[in-house]
Amino acid sequence: MNKKLAGHLLIESLIRHGSSVCFGVPGESFLGALDGMYEYREQFQFIACRQEGGAAYMAEAYGKLTGQPGICFVTRGPGATNASVGVHTAFQDSTPMIVLVGQIERHTRDREAFQEVDLRQMFAPLAKWVAQIDDPDRIPEYIARAYQTATTGRQGPVVLALPEDMLVEQTAAQTLAPYRQTLCWPAPDRIVEMQNMLRLAQRPLAIVGGSGWTPSACAAFEAFSRQWSLPVACAFRFQDTFDNRHPNYAGEIGSSMSKALGGRIQESDLILAVGVRLGEGTTRGYTLVRPPRPVQKLIHIHPGAEELGSVYQADLLIQSALPAFGSALAGLKAPEACGWSDWSHTLSSEYQSHSTIRPASDRKVDLAVVAETLQRLVPENAVFVTGAGNYAGWFLRYIRYRGLSSGSKTQLAPANGSMGYGVPAAVAAKIAEPERVVISISGDGCFMMNGQELATARQYGKPMIFIVVNNSSYGTIRMFQERHFSERVCGTQLMNPDFAMLAQAYGMNGHVVEQTEEFEGAIREALSSALSTLIEIRTDVEHISAATTLSDIKAAAA
């Protein structure tokens, strides 16, 4: 059989498994793969990014949005270490992702060769599987396993090292059949047991989130919630798992959660946790649902066997892929009358109150009104992308995200709270679904960590909108400083560029908003522009979060 370059076979294998785009920074350690991308340039696009951390975030966001593994190529040593932030995000967010790292030549191993890093040791705690392909004939085998591993059970990242010399060897190996995601189905007797436990509850609450949901699975759960009058809250940064306009929606459990919802979780006598790990962010430091045996009865449904029982010893454990669980719900007959209907109505009413805008007259820019303006003007299927920081609280609290049941995700955000996510993730979203409106929302500190990816947006993406909330501060850390070391501010004050002028340097539109009423005109212009637009919103650090002010924090600490 005709032989080909190993780097060409690698790209053929990625294409065979359904991938058509990857994100990365080129390196001499994977020149053979880059030549394969050129060979198959009509079928496979390489998005050249400006830093490996941005590239890895893009791959993670692509995987989160599409449900297919995001692909990232980076070079050895420094490239791999830069990319590790995206791998950590994919791991904690359970996002399918494959990172391909160019590596030193095989014969120089263990000499601390130029940029040598033992990738197996480095990525072992951050990825589902880490391996190195030493034999070009085994490329199809490793790539097939990577896709299967990234998408099976609890989804997550896979890292494969590619020795530079291996990629330029000849091979006659052929690609394998495309991967098919494996789905585990819930045991029928456990579904019956779940039904019986629900019937006996007085104050049940469902918590949904995580990865692996499909539109049909979300629609099935929304129908189940309606039939059973079951209140549903979404896990931290997974608000679009359940339509926020559903009559039984109770709100997000996380940084934007109301005090009322926190109290209701503790009052609940049964928690139905579906697809979520019940991690630290969702449980407020493991206080709302306490491990290992919560006060509430707990039914935990998750696709990963290794996740069930690892932290929480639930009353009922059900291993199931979420589409399979959604199918199982269709056969459950709801009781004629649910004893918790008033309870469900109370939680929904409290969410409505918490997410209702109350315009503030004591500030030049009211971010609650900014969020409401976005909700009112952008299309329903717009993708909102936020990074990490206090500024995100307004957009988590006041935007009512359309659920995945509508056919597509509308929220991208890092559940691991990783800064620098908002810009690159939005670029990936626009590349993945170019016809949708994509809104990137970053704080000033968050933006500056990967703002250079505006160049990637300009080079590859269609028009999109970047919003930078600028209070010249690492606001979240400043808030904690004032709570624990009042008036002893250190390291959290920032000097920033003129972000609007910076956008113009990249060939984009740039606007500065210093008054609430200026924002609507800026966003309307951005939505109609043929160019990408950056809107800098200048705010006062006094208004440190959507829930409090610096003055109130200082007074409480006094």
Protein backbone atom coordinates (compact mmCIF):
# COMPACT_ATOMS: atom_id res chain seq x y z
CA MET A 1 0.00 0.00 0.00
CA ASN A 2 1.10 3.56 -0.58
CA LYS A 3 2.82 5.13 2.37
CA LYS A 4 2.27 8.66 3.63
CA LEU A 5 3.76 11.04 6.16
CA ALA A 6 2.66 10.27 9.73
CA GLY A 7 1.60 13.88 10.16
CA HIS A 8 -0.75 13.48 7.21
CA LEU A 9 -2.25 10.31 8.69
CA LEU A 10 -2.81 12.19 11.95
CA ILE A 11 -4.90 14.86 10.24
CA GLU A 12 -6.75 12.24 8.18
CA SER A 13 -7.68 10.54 11.45
CA LEU A 14 -9.01 13.74 12.99
CA ILE A 15 -11.10 14.37 9.88
CA ARG A 16 -12.33 10.77 9.94
CA HIS A 17 -13.67 11.28 13.46
CA GLY A 18 -15.62 14.36 12.42
CA SER A 19 -13.27 17.25 13.26
CA SER A 20 -12.87 20.07 10.77
CA VAL A 21 -11.13 22.78 12.78
CA CYS A 22 -8.43 23.05 15.44
CA PHE A 23 -6.92 25.86 17.47
CA GLY A 24 -3.25 26.29 18.23
CA VAL A 25 0.06 28.08 17.99
CA PRO A 26 2.42 26.62 15.36
CA GLY A 27 5.65 25.01 16.54
CA GLU A 28 8.59 23.31 14.90
CA SER A 29 7.87 20.22 16.99
CA PHE A 30 4.81 19.35 14.89
CA LEU A 31 5.79 20.48 11.41
CA GLY A 32 4.69 17.12 10.03
CA ALA A 33 1.17 17.71 11.35
CA LEU A 34 1.13 21.28 10.02
CA ASP A 35 2.02 19.91 6.60
CA GLY A 36 -0.89 17.49 6.96
CA MET A 37 -3.17 20.43 7.65
CA TYR A 38 -1.94 22.06 4.46
CA GLU A 39 -2.51 18.83 2.54
CA TYR A 40 -6.13 18.67 3.77
CA ARG A 41 -6.73 22.42 3.97
CA GLU A 42 -10.09 22.13 2.20
CA GLN A 43 -11.36 19.81 4.94
CA PHE A 44 -9.50 20.92 8.05
CA GLN A 45 -8.77 24.46 9.24
CA PHE A 46 -5.98 25.50 11.58
CA ILE A 47 -6.85 28.62 13.60
CA ALA A 48 -3.52 30.25 14.44
CA CYS A 49 -3.86 31.84 17.89
CA ARG A 50 -1.58 34.30 19.67
CA GLN A 51 -0.89 32.31 22.85
CA GLU A 52 -1.40 28.67 23.77
CA GLY A 53 -3.61 29.53 26.74
CA GLY A 54 -6.02 31.28 24.37
CA ALA A 55 -5.86 28.35 21.93
CA ALA A 56 -6.70 25.86 24.69
CA TYR A 57 -9.61 27.99 25.88
CA MET A 58 -10.90 28.10 22.30
CA ALA A 59 -10.77 24.32 22.01
CA GLU A 60 -12.53 23.95 25.36
CA ALA A 61 -15.26 26.39 24.38
CA TYR A 62 -15.69 24.65 21.02
CA GLY A 63 -16.17 21.32 22.80
CA LYS A 64 -18.57 22.83 25.30
CA LEU A 65 -20.68 24.50 22.60
CA THR A 66 -20.79 21.69 20.05
CA GLY A 67 -20.55 18.58 22.20
CA GLN A 68 -17.73 17.31 19.95
CA PRO A 69 -14.13 17.25 21.24
CA GLY A 70 -12.40 20.56 20.71
CA ILE A 71 -8.96 20.08 19.13
CA CYS A 72 -5.86 22.01 20.19
CA PHE A 73 -2.30 21.82 18.81
CA VAL A 74 0.59 23.26 20.83
CA THR A 75 4.32 22.81 20.88
CA ARG A 76 6.45 21.13 23.53
CA GLY A 77 7.54 22.56 26.89
CA PRO A 78 6.46 26.22 27.12
CA GLY A 79 3.61 25.68 24.66
CA ALA A 80 2.25 22.80 26.70
CA THR A 81 2.56 24.64 30.00
CA ASN A 82 0.75 27.66 28.56
CA ALA A 83 -2.05 25.38 27.34
CA SER A 84 -2.48 23.70 30.72
CA VAL A 85 -4.95 26.39 31.86
CA GLY A 86 -7.40 25.26 29.18
CA VAL A 87 -6.86 21.61 30.04
CA HIS A 88 -7.65 22.32 33.70
CA THR A 89 -10.80 24.18 32.63
CA ALA A 90 -11.90 21.26 30.46
CA PHE A 91 -11.25 18.81 33.30
CA GLN A 92 -13.21 20.69 35.97
CA ASP A 93 -15.98 21.63 33.51
CA SER A 94 -16.15 18.07 32.10
CA THR A 95 -15.66 19.26 28.52
CA PRO A 96 -14.59 16.90 25.71
CA MET A 97 -11.24 18.07 24.35
CA ILE A 98 -8.11 16.62 22.71
CA VAL A 99 -4.78 18.42 23.08
CA LEU A 100 -2.01 17.34 20.69
CA VAL A 101 1.45 18.41 21.86
CA GLY A 102 4.54 18.35 19.68
CA GLN A 103 7.33 16.65 21.62
CA ILE A 104 11.10 16.28 21.52
CA GLU A 105 12.60 13.63 19.26
CA ARG A 106 12.48 10.15 20.72
CA HIS A 107 16.25 9.57 20.81
CA THR A 108 16.83 12.67 23.02
CA ARG A 109 14.39 11.68 25.75
CA ASP A 110 15.48 11.93 29.42
CA ARG A 111 18.42 14.26 28.69
CA GLU A 112 16.53 17.45 29.48
CA ALA A 113 16.58 18.22 25.79
CA PHE A 114 15.49 21.61 24.47
CA GLN A 115 12.06 22.36 26.00
CA GLU A 116 11.69 18.79 27.27
CA VAL A 117 8.86 18.15 29.74
CA ASP A 118 7.51 14.78 30.82
CA LEU A 119 3.96 15.38 29.61
CA ARG A 120 2.62 12.21 31.25
CA GLN A 121 3.61 13.49 34.68
CA MET A 122 2.65 17.07 33.95
CA PHE A 123 -0.87 16.42 32.70
CA ALA A 124 -1.71 13.29 34.74
CA PRO A 125 -3.84 15.16 37.32
CA LEU A 126 -5.42 17.43 34.68
CA ALA A 127 -6.61 15.01 32.01
CA LYS A 128 -8.59 11.80 31.64
CA TRP A 129 -5.77 10.16 29.69
CA VAL A 130 -2.24 11.17 28.74
CA ALA A 131 -0.13 9.19 26.26
CA GLN A 132 2.60 9.48 23.66
CA ILE A 133 2.45 8.09 20.12
CA ASP A 134 5.89 6.62 19.40
CA ASP A 135 4.89 4.38 16.49
CA PRO A 136 3.30 6.11 13.48
CA ASP A 137 1.46 2.91 12.58
CA ARG A 138 -0.53 3.28 15.82
CA ILE A 139 -1.76 6.82 15.15
CA PRO A 140 -5.28 5.64 14.17
CA GLU A 141 -5.52 3.54 17.34
CA TYR A 142 -4.48 6.35 19.67
CA ILE A 143 -6.67 8.95 17.99
CA ALA A 144 -9.73 6.68 18.08
CA ARG A 145 -9.14 6.01 21.78
CA ALA A 146 -8.70 9.74 22.44
CA TYR A 147 -12.13 10.55 20.98
CA GLN A 148 -13.75 7.66 22.83
CA THR A 149 -12.15 8.60 26.15
CA ALA A 150 -12.93 12.32 25.85
CA THR A 151 -16.64 11.69 25.22
CA THR A 152 -17.41 8.63 27.39
CA GLY A 153 -18.77 8.77 30.94
CA ARG A 154 -17.71 11.98 32.60
CA GLN A 155 -16.37 13.85 29.59
CA GLY A 156 -13.03 15.61 29.70
CA PRO A 157 -9.65 16.35 28.12
CA VAL A 158 -7.15 13.93 26.60
CA VAL A 159 -3.51 14.86 25.96
CA LEU A 160 -1.39 13.11 23.32
CA ALA A 161 2.34 13.79 22.85
CA LEU A 162 3.66 13.65 19.29
CA PRO A 163 7.44 13.22 18.97
CA GLU A 164 8.77 15.50 16.25
CA ASP A 165 10.65 12.73 14.44
CA MET A 166 7.67 10.34 14.55
CA LEU A 167 5.50 12.83 12.65
CA VAL A 168 7.82 12.84 9.63
CA GLU A 169 8.15 9.07 9.30
CA GLN A 170 6.33 7.15 6.58
CA THR A 171 3.41 4.84 7.39
CA ALA A 172 0.97 2.67 5.47
CA ALA A 173 -1.57 2.58 8.32
CA GLN A 174 -5.19 3.47 7.54
CA THR A 175 -7.70 5.49 9.53
CA LEU A 176 -10.28 3.69 11.65
CA ALA A 177 -14.06 4.04 11.63
CA PRO A 178 -15.46 7.21 13.24
CA TYR A 179 -15.99 7.02 16.99
CA ARG A 180 -19.46 6.61 18.41
CA GLN A 181 -20.18 7.95 21.86
CA THR A 182 -21.06 5.15 24.23
CA LEU A 183 -24.19 5.67 26.33
CA CYS A 184 -25.01 3.90 29.57
CA TRP A 185 -28.71 3.40 30.37
CA PRO A 186 -30.26 3.64 33.84
CA ALA A 187 -31.33 0.41 35.52
CA PRO A 188 -35.17 0.26 35.41
CA ASP A 189 -35.45 -0.69 39.09
CA ARG A 190 -33.49 2.43 40.08
CA ILE A 191 -35.79 4.64 38.05
CA VAL A 192 -38.73 3.09 39.93
CA GLU A 193 -36.93 3.72 43.23
CA MET A 194 -36.32 7.34 42.23
CA GLN A 195 -39.99 7.74 41.42
CA ASN A 196 -41.01 6.33 44.80
CA MET A 197 -38.59 8.60 46.67
CA LEU A 198 -39.96 11.62 44.84
CA ARG A 199 -43.53 10.71 45.72
CA LEU A 200 -42.63 10.65 49.42
CA ALA A 201 -40.84 14.01 49.36
CA GLN A 202 -42.36 17.24 50.65
CA ARG A 203 -39.73 19.78 49.50
CA PRO A 204 -37.81 18.28 46.55
CA LEU A 205 -35.39 20.26 44.43
CA ALA A 206 -33.57 19.26 41.25
CA ILE A 207 -30.06 20.56 40.49
CA VAL A 208 -28.98 20.14 36.88
CA GLY A 209 -25.83 20.93 34.92
CA GLY A 210 -22.59 19.45 33.72
CA SER A 211 -21.77 18.22 30.23
CA GLY A 212 -23.30 15.54 28.04
CA TRP A 213 -26.75 17.09 27.76
CA THR A 214 -28.49 17.14 24.38
CA PRO A 215 -31.45 19.28 23.31
CA SER A 216 -33.76 16.26 23.55
CA ALA A 217 -32.49 15.35 27.03
CA CYS A 218 -33.02 18.92 28.25
CA ALA A 219 -36.49 19.04 26.70
CA ALA A 220 -37.38 15.74 28.38
CA PHE A 221 -36.26 17.03 31.77
CA GLU A 222 -38.17 20.30 31.32
CA ALA A 223 -41.31 18.29 30.51
CA PHE A 224 -40.68 16.07 33.55
CA SER A 225 -40.33 19.15 35.77
CA ARG A 226 -43.58 20.56 34.48
CA GLN A 227 -45.51 17.29 34.95
CA TRP A 228 -44.18 16.76 38.47
CA SER A 229 -44.23 20.48 39.52
CA LEU A 230 -40.57 20.01 40.37
CA PRO A 231 -38.46 23.13 41.06
CA VAL A 232 -35.15 23.12 39.20
CA ALA A 233 -31.96 25.07 39.86
CA CYS A 234 -28.90 25.11 37.59
CA ALA A 235 -25.36 24.41 38.73
CA PHE A 236 -22.68 27.12 38.75
CA ARG A 237 -22.06 28.33 35.17
CA PHE A 238 -24.50 25.86 33.62
CA GLN A 239 -27.60 28.08 33.57
CA ASP A 240 -28.62 27.16 30.04
CA THR A 241 -29.16 23.51 30.98
CA PHE A 242 -32.74 24.44 31.89
CA ASP A 243 -34.77 27.23 30.30
CA ASN A 244 -34.70 30.15 32.72
CA ARG A 245 -38.20 31.14 31.58
CA HIS A 246 -39.68 27.80 32.62
CA PRO A 247 -42.36 28.19 35.35
CA ASN A 248 -40.42 25.88 37.67
CA TYR A 249 -37.00 27.50 37.31
CA ALA A 250 -35.50 28.40 40.69
CA GLY A 251 -32.24 30.09 39.70
CA GLU A 252 -28.50 29.50 39.50
CA ILE A 253 -26.62 27.96 42.40
CA GLY A 254 -23.35 29.82 42.47
CA SER A 255 -21.95 33.33 42.60
CA SER A 256 -25.25 34.99 41.58
CA MET A 257 -27.46 32.88 43.85
CA SER A 258 -29.94 34.62 46.11
CA LYS A 259 -29.87 34.16 49.88
CA ALA A 260 -33.38 32.81 49.58
CA LEU A 261 -32.34 29.99 47.25
CA GLY A 262 -29.45 29.05 49.50
CA GLY A 263 -31.90 28.71 52.37
CA ARG A 264 -34.32 26.65 50.26
CA ILE A 265 -31.58 24.18 49.34
CA GLN A 266 -30.89 23.62 53.02
CA GLU A 267 -34.63 23.29 53.74
CA SER A 268 -35.11 20.74 50.96
CA ASP A 269 -35.75 17.16 52.02
CA LEU A 270 -34.74 15.60 48.68
CA ILE A 271 -32.20 16.72 46.09
CA LEU A 272 -32.27 15.23 42.61
CA ALA A 273 -28.79 15.99 41.22
CA VAL A 274 -28.65 15.31 37.49
CA GLY A 275 -25.42 15.52 35.51
CA VAL A 276 -23.65 17.62 38.16
CA ARG A 277 -20.67 16.76 40.33
CA LEU A 278 -21.97 18.95 43.15
CA GLY A 279 -18.61 20.68 43.27
CA GLU A 280 -17.42 23.46 45.54
CA GLY A 281 -18.85 26.30 43.43
CA THR A 282 -22.33 24.78 43.25
CA THR A 283 -22.49 23.85 46.95
CA ARG A 284 -20.98 27.09 48.33
CA GLY A 285 -17.92 25.36 49.68
CA TYR A 286 -19.79 22.10 50.41
CA THR A 287 -22.07 23.87 52.91
CA LEU A 288 -25.42 23.71 51.10
CA VAL A 289 -25.08 19.99 50.41
CA ARG A 290 -22.64 18.59 52.93
CA PRO A 291 -20.49 15.55 52.17
CA PRO A 292 -20.25 12.70 52.72
CA ARG A 293 -23.87 12.25 53.88
CA PRO A 294 -26.04 15.31 53.24
CA VAL A 295 -28.86 16.24 55.58
CA GLN A 296 -31.17 16.08 52.57
CA LYS A 297 -31.89 12.79 50.88
CA LEU A 298 -29.83 12.69 47.70
CA ILE A 299 -30.45 11.01 44.36
CA HIS A 300 -27.37 11.41 42.17
CA ILE A 301 -27.57 10.75 38.42
CA HIS A 302 -24.30 10.99 36.49
CA PRO A 303 -22.77 9.35 33.39
CA GLY A 304 -19.43 8.72 35.10
CA ALA A 305 -19.16 5.65 37.32
CA GLU A 306 -16.05 7.09 38.96
CA GLU A 307 -18.00 10.21 40.00
CA LEU A 308 -20.86 8.42 41.75
CA GLY A 309 -20.04 7.89 45.41
CA SER A 310 -16.67 9.63 45.15
CA VAL A 311 -17.64 12.61 47.31
CA TYR A 312 -21.28 12.07 48.27
CA GLN A 313 -22.72 8.83 49.60
CA ALA A 314 -26.14 9.35 48.08
CA ASP A 315 -29.33 7.54 49.03
CA LEU A 316 -29.67 6.47 45.41
CA LEU A 317 -26.97 6.36 42.73
CA ILE A 318 -27.92 6.06 39.06
CA GLN A 319 -25.27 5.80 36.37
CA SER A 320 -26.74 7.02 33.13
CA ALA A 321 -25.91 9.09 30.09
CA LEU A 322 -28.15 12.14 30.14
CA PRO A 323 -29.94 11.41 26.82
CA ALA A 324 -30.72 7.93 28.18
CA PHE A 325 -31.98 9.38 31.45
CA GLY A 326 -34.18 11.79 29.52
CA SER A 327 -35.69 8.88 27.62
CA ALA A 328 -36.35 7.02 30.88
CA LEU A 329 -38.24 10.02 32.28
CA ALA A 330 -40.75 9.88 29.44
CA GLY A 331 -42.29 6.71 30.88
CA LEU A 332 -42.85 8.04 34.38
CA LYS A 333 -46.39 8.86 35.34
CA ALA A 334 -46.73 11.95 37.49
CA PRO A 335 -48.88 11.82 40.62
CA GLU A 336 -52.35 13.29 40.27
CA ALA A 337 -51.47 15.93 42.83
CA CYS A 338 -47.99 16.90 43.99
CA GLY A 339 -47.81 17.91 47.63
CA TRP A 340 -45.02 20.33 46.87
CA SER A 341 -46.74 22.57 44.30
CA ASP A 342 -46.74 25.56 46.66
CA TRP A 343 -43.08 24.92 47.45
CA SER A 344 -42.22 24.95 43.74
CA HIS A 345 -44.21 28.15 43.18
CA THR A 346 -42.38 29.83 46.07
CA LEU A 347 -38.95 29.02 44.64
CA SER A 348 -39.97 30.26 41.22
CA SER A 349 -41.37 33.48 42.65
CA GLU A 350 -38.20 34.09 44.64
CA TYR A 351 -36.12 33.66 41.48
CA GLN A 352 -38.33 36.11 39.60
CA SER A 353 -37.88 38.66 42.36
CA HIS A 354 -34.11 38.14 42.55
CA SER A 355 -33.64 38.52 38.78
CA THR A 356 -35.93 41.55 38.38
CA ILE A 357 -34.11 44.80 37.59
CA ARG A 358 -34.34 47.55 40.17
CA PRO A 359 -32.58 50.52 38.56
CA ALA A 360 -30.04 52.18 40.84
CA SER A 361 -29.78 55.96 40.93
CA ASP A 362 -26.52 56.05 42.90
CA ARG A 363 -24.19 55.07 40.06
CA LYS A 364 -23.22 56.35 36.63
CA VAL A 365 -23.41 52.92 35.02
CA ASP A 366 -25.96 50.41 36.27
CA LEU A 367 -24.80 46.99 35.05
CA ALA A 368 -28.20 45.48 35.85
CA VAL A 369 -29.72 47.80 33.23
CA VAL A 370 -26.89 46.91 30.85
CA ALA A 371 -27.78 43.21 31.25
CA GLU A 372 -31.47 43.95 30.69
CA THR A 373 -30.63 45.96 27.57
CA LEU A 374 -28.63 43.06 26.16
CA GLN A 375 -31.48 40.66 26.89
CA ARG A 376 -33.94 42.96 25.14
CA LEU A 377 -31.90 43.72 22.01
CA VAL A 378 -29.91 40.61 21.07
CA PRO A 379 -31.48 37.59 19.33
CA GLU A 380 -32.82 34.81 21.53
CA ASN A 381 -30.19 32.37 20.31
CA ALA A 382 -27.25 34.68 21.03
CA VAL A 383 -24.28 33.13 22.84
CA PHE A 384 -23.23 34.94 26.01
CA VAL A 385 -19.61 34.27 26.98
CA THR A 386 -18.31 35.39 30.36
CA GLY A 387 -14.99 34.90 32.06
CA ALA A 388 -14.38 34.95 35.81
CA GLY A 389 -14.78 37.87 38.17
CA ASN A 390 -17.36 39.89 40.10
CA TYR A 391 -18.47 41.70 36.93
CA ALA A 392 -19.95 38.41 35.69
CA GLY A 393 -22.42 38.40 38.58
CA TRP A 394 -24.71 40.96 36.93
CA PHE A 395 -24.89 38.93 33.72
CA LEU A 396 -25.44 35.64 35.56
CA ARG A 397 -28.15 37.14 37.73
CA TYR A 398 -30.14 39.28 35.30
CA ILE A 399 -29.88 37.48 31.95
CA ARG A 400 -32.44 34.71 31.56
CA TYR A 401 -30.73 32.11 29.45
CA ARG A 402 -32.66 30.14 26.90
CA GLY A 403 -32.26 26.43 27.59
CA LEU A 404 -30.41 23.93 25.45
CA SER A 405 -33.84 22.38 24.82
CA SER A 406 -34.26 25.11 22.18
CA GLY A 407 -31.54 23.44 20.12
CA SER A 408 -28.33 25.25 21.07
CA LYS A 409 -26.34 26.45 24.06
CA THR A 410 -26.59 30.12 24.96
CA GLN A 411 -24.02 30.32 27.76
CA LEU A 412 -20.29 29.66 27.80
CA ALA A 413 -18.47 30.23 31.09
CA PRO A 414 -15.69 28.50 33.04
CA ALA A 415 -17.04 26.60 36.04
CA ASN A 416 -13.48 26.43 37.36
CA GLY A 417 -13.46 30.23 37.60
CA SER A 418 -10.52 30.64 35.24
CA MET A 419 -9.72 34.20 34.18
CA GLY A 420 -8.94 35.11 30.59
CA TYR A 421 -11.71 32.90 29.19
CA GLY A 422 -14.14 35.44 27.76
CA VAL A 423 -12.28 36.62 24.65
CA PRO A 424 -10.88 33.34 23.25
CA ALA A 425 -14.01 31.34 24.09
CA ALA A 426 -16.13 33.85 22.21
CA VAL A 427 -13.83 33.65 19.18
CA ALA A 428 -14.26 29.86 19.15
CA ALA A 429 -18.04 30.21 19.43
CA LYS A 430 -18.16 32.54 16.44
CA ILE A 431 -15.98 30.18 14.39
CA ALA A 432 -18.15 27.20 15.38
CA GLU A 433 -21.46 28.94 14.67
CA PRO A 434 -20.74 32.04 12.57
CA GLU A 435 -24.38 33.00 11.98
CA ARG A 436 -25.16 33.45 15.69
CA VAL A 437 -24.57 36.67 17.61
CA VAL A 438 -21.76 36.17 20.11
CA ILE A 439 -21.35 38.52 23.08
CA SER A 440 -18.06 38.32 25.00
CA ILE A 441 -18.17 39.87 28.48
CA SER A 442 -14.92 40.36 30.40
CA GLY A 443 -13.64 42.38 33.30
CA ASP A 444 -10.58 44.53 32.75
CA GLY A 445 -8.30 42.08 34.55
CA CYS A 446 -9.88 39.13 32.79
CA PHE A 447 -9.66 40.77 29.37
CA MET A 448 -5.97 41.62 29.65
CA MET A 449 -5.05 37.97 30.20
CA ASN A 450 -6.04 36.99 26.65
CA GLY A 451 -6.99 40.25 24.95
CA GLN A 452 -4.40 39.53 22.26
CA GLU A 453 -6.85 37.04 20.78
CA LEU A 454 -8.69 40.03 19.32
CA ALA A 455 -6.18 39.54 16.52
CA THR A 456 -7.47 35.99 16.04
CA ALA A 457 -11.03 37.29 15.99
CA ARG A 458 -10.12 39.86 13.39
CA GLN A 459 -8.29 37.31 11.23
CA TYR A 460 -10.82 34.47 11.25
CA GLY A 461 -14.14 35.49 12.73
CA LYS A 462 -17.18 37.31 11.49
CA PRO A 463 -18.35 40.39 13.43
CA MET A 464 -18.78 39.85 17.16
CA ILE A 465 -19.13 42.00 20.24
CA PHE A 466 -16.67 42.35 23.12
CA ILE A 467 -17.77 44.08 26.32
CA VAL A 468 -15.11 45.07 28.85
CA VAL A 469 -16.30 46.09 32.32
CA ASN A 470 -13.47 48.30 33.58
CA ASN A 471 -13.22 49.21 37.25
CA SER A 472 -9.38 49.32 37.21
CA SER A 473 -9.23 46.51 39.73
CA TYR A 474 -9.01 42.80 40.33
CA GLY A 475 -12.45 43.24 41.82
CA THR A 476 -13.13 39.82 43.33
CA ILE A 477 -9.83 39.80 45.21
CA ARG A 478 -10.37 43.40 46.32
CA MET A 479 -13.74 42.36 47.74
CA PHE A 480 -12.15 39.56 49.78
CA GLN A 481 -9.35 41.85 50.92
CA GLU A 482 -11.89 44.28 52.32
CA ARG A 483 -13.79 41.48 54.05
CA HIS A 484 -10.78 39.92 55.74
CA PHE A 485 -8.12 42.70 55.82
CA SER A 486 -10.15 45.89 55.64
CA GLU A 487 -8.37 49.01 54.33
CA ARG A 488 -5.20 46.97 53.61
CA VAL A 489 -5.36 46.97 49.82
CA CYS A 490 -2.43 45.31 48.06
CA GLY A 491 -1.93 44.24 44.46
CA THR A 492 -5.50 44.65 43.26
CA GLN A 493 -5.35 48.13 41.73
CA LEU A 494 -4.78 48.21 37.95
CA MET A 495 -3.73 50.72 35.32
CA ASN A 496 -5.37 49.92 32.01
CA PRO A 497 -5.12 51.05 28.39
CA ASP A 498 -7.92 52.80 26.58
CA PHE A 499 -9.72 49.62 25.53
CA ALA A 500 -11.74 51.34 22.81
CA MET A 501 -8.58 52.67 21.19
CA LEU A 502 -6.98 49.24 21.52
CA ALA A 503 -9.89 47.73 19.59
CA GLN A 504 -9.47 50.33 16.89
CA ALA A 505 -5.81 49.34 16.59
CA TYR A 506 -7.03 45.82 15.76
CA GLY A 507 -9.31 47.22 13.04
CA MET A 508 -12.50 47.04 15.12
CA ASN A 509 -15.01 49.57 16.32
CA GLY A 510 -14.43 50.92 19.81
CA HIS A 511 -16.86 52.67 22.16
CA VAL A 512 -16.59 54.00 25.70
CA VAL A 513 -19.66 53.96 27.95
CA GLU A 514 -19.59 56.08 31.11
CA GLN A 515 -23.34 56.56 31.63
CA THR A 516 -26.03 53.88 31.65
CA GLU A 517 -28.06 55.54 28.92
CA GLU A 518 -25.06 55.48 26.53
CA PHE A 519 -24.99 51.68 26.38
CA GLU A 520 -28.12 51.10 24.31
CA GLY A 521 -26.88 53.21 21.42
CA ALA A 522 -23.49 51.49 21.52
CA ILE A 523 -24.94 47.98 21.47
CA ARG A 524 -27.42 48.82 18.71
CA GLU A 525 -24.56 50.12 16.57
CA ALA A 526 -22.48 47.04 17.34
CA LEU A 527 -25.29 44.69 16.34
CA SER A 528 -25.64 46.35 12.96
CA SER A 529 -21.94 46.78 12.20
CA ALA A 530 -19.98 44.79 9.61
CA LEU A 531 -16.98 44.95 11.95
CA SER A 532 -16.43 43.51 15.39
CA THR A 533 -16.99 46.00 18.18
CA LEU A 534 -15.51 46.48 21.64
CA ILE A 535 -17.55 48.41 24.20
CA GLU A 536 -15.62 49.56 27.26
CA ILE A 537 -17.91 50.21 30.24
CA ARG A 538 -16.16 52.31 32.87
CA THR A 539 -17.49 51.63 36.35
CA ASP A 540 -16.65 52.62 39.91
CA VAL A 541 -14.92 49.99 42.05
CA GLU A 542 -17.25 51.08 44.90
CA HIS A 543 -19.96 49.00 43.23
CA ILE A 544 -17.90 45.87 43.65
CA SER A 545 -20.56 43.24 42.92
CA ALA A 546 -24.19 42.76 42.04
CA ALA A 547 -24.96 42.10 45.70
CA THR A 548 -22.99 44.68 47.70
CA THR A 549 -20.69 47.71 47.72
CA LEU A 550 -17.23 48.29 49.13
CA SER A 551 -18.69 50.67 51.73
CA ASP A 552 -21.07 47.99 52.97
CA ILE A 553 -18.24 45.44 53.15
CA LYS A 554 -16.02 47.82 55.10
CA ALA A 555 -18.85 48.66 57.48
CA ALA A 556 -19.50 44.98 58.14
CA ALA A 557 -15.79 44.37 58.76
CA ALA A 558 -15.44 47.28 61.18
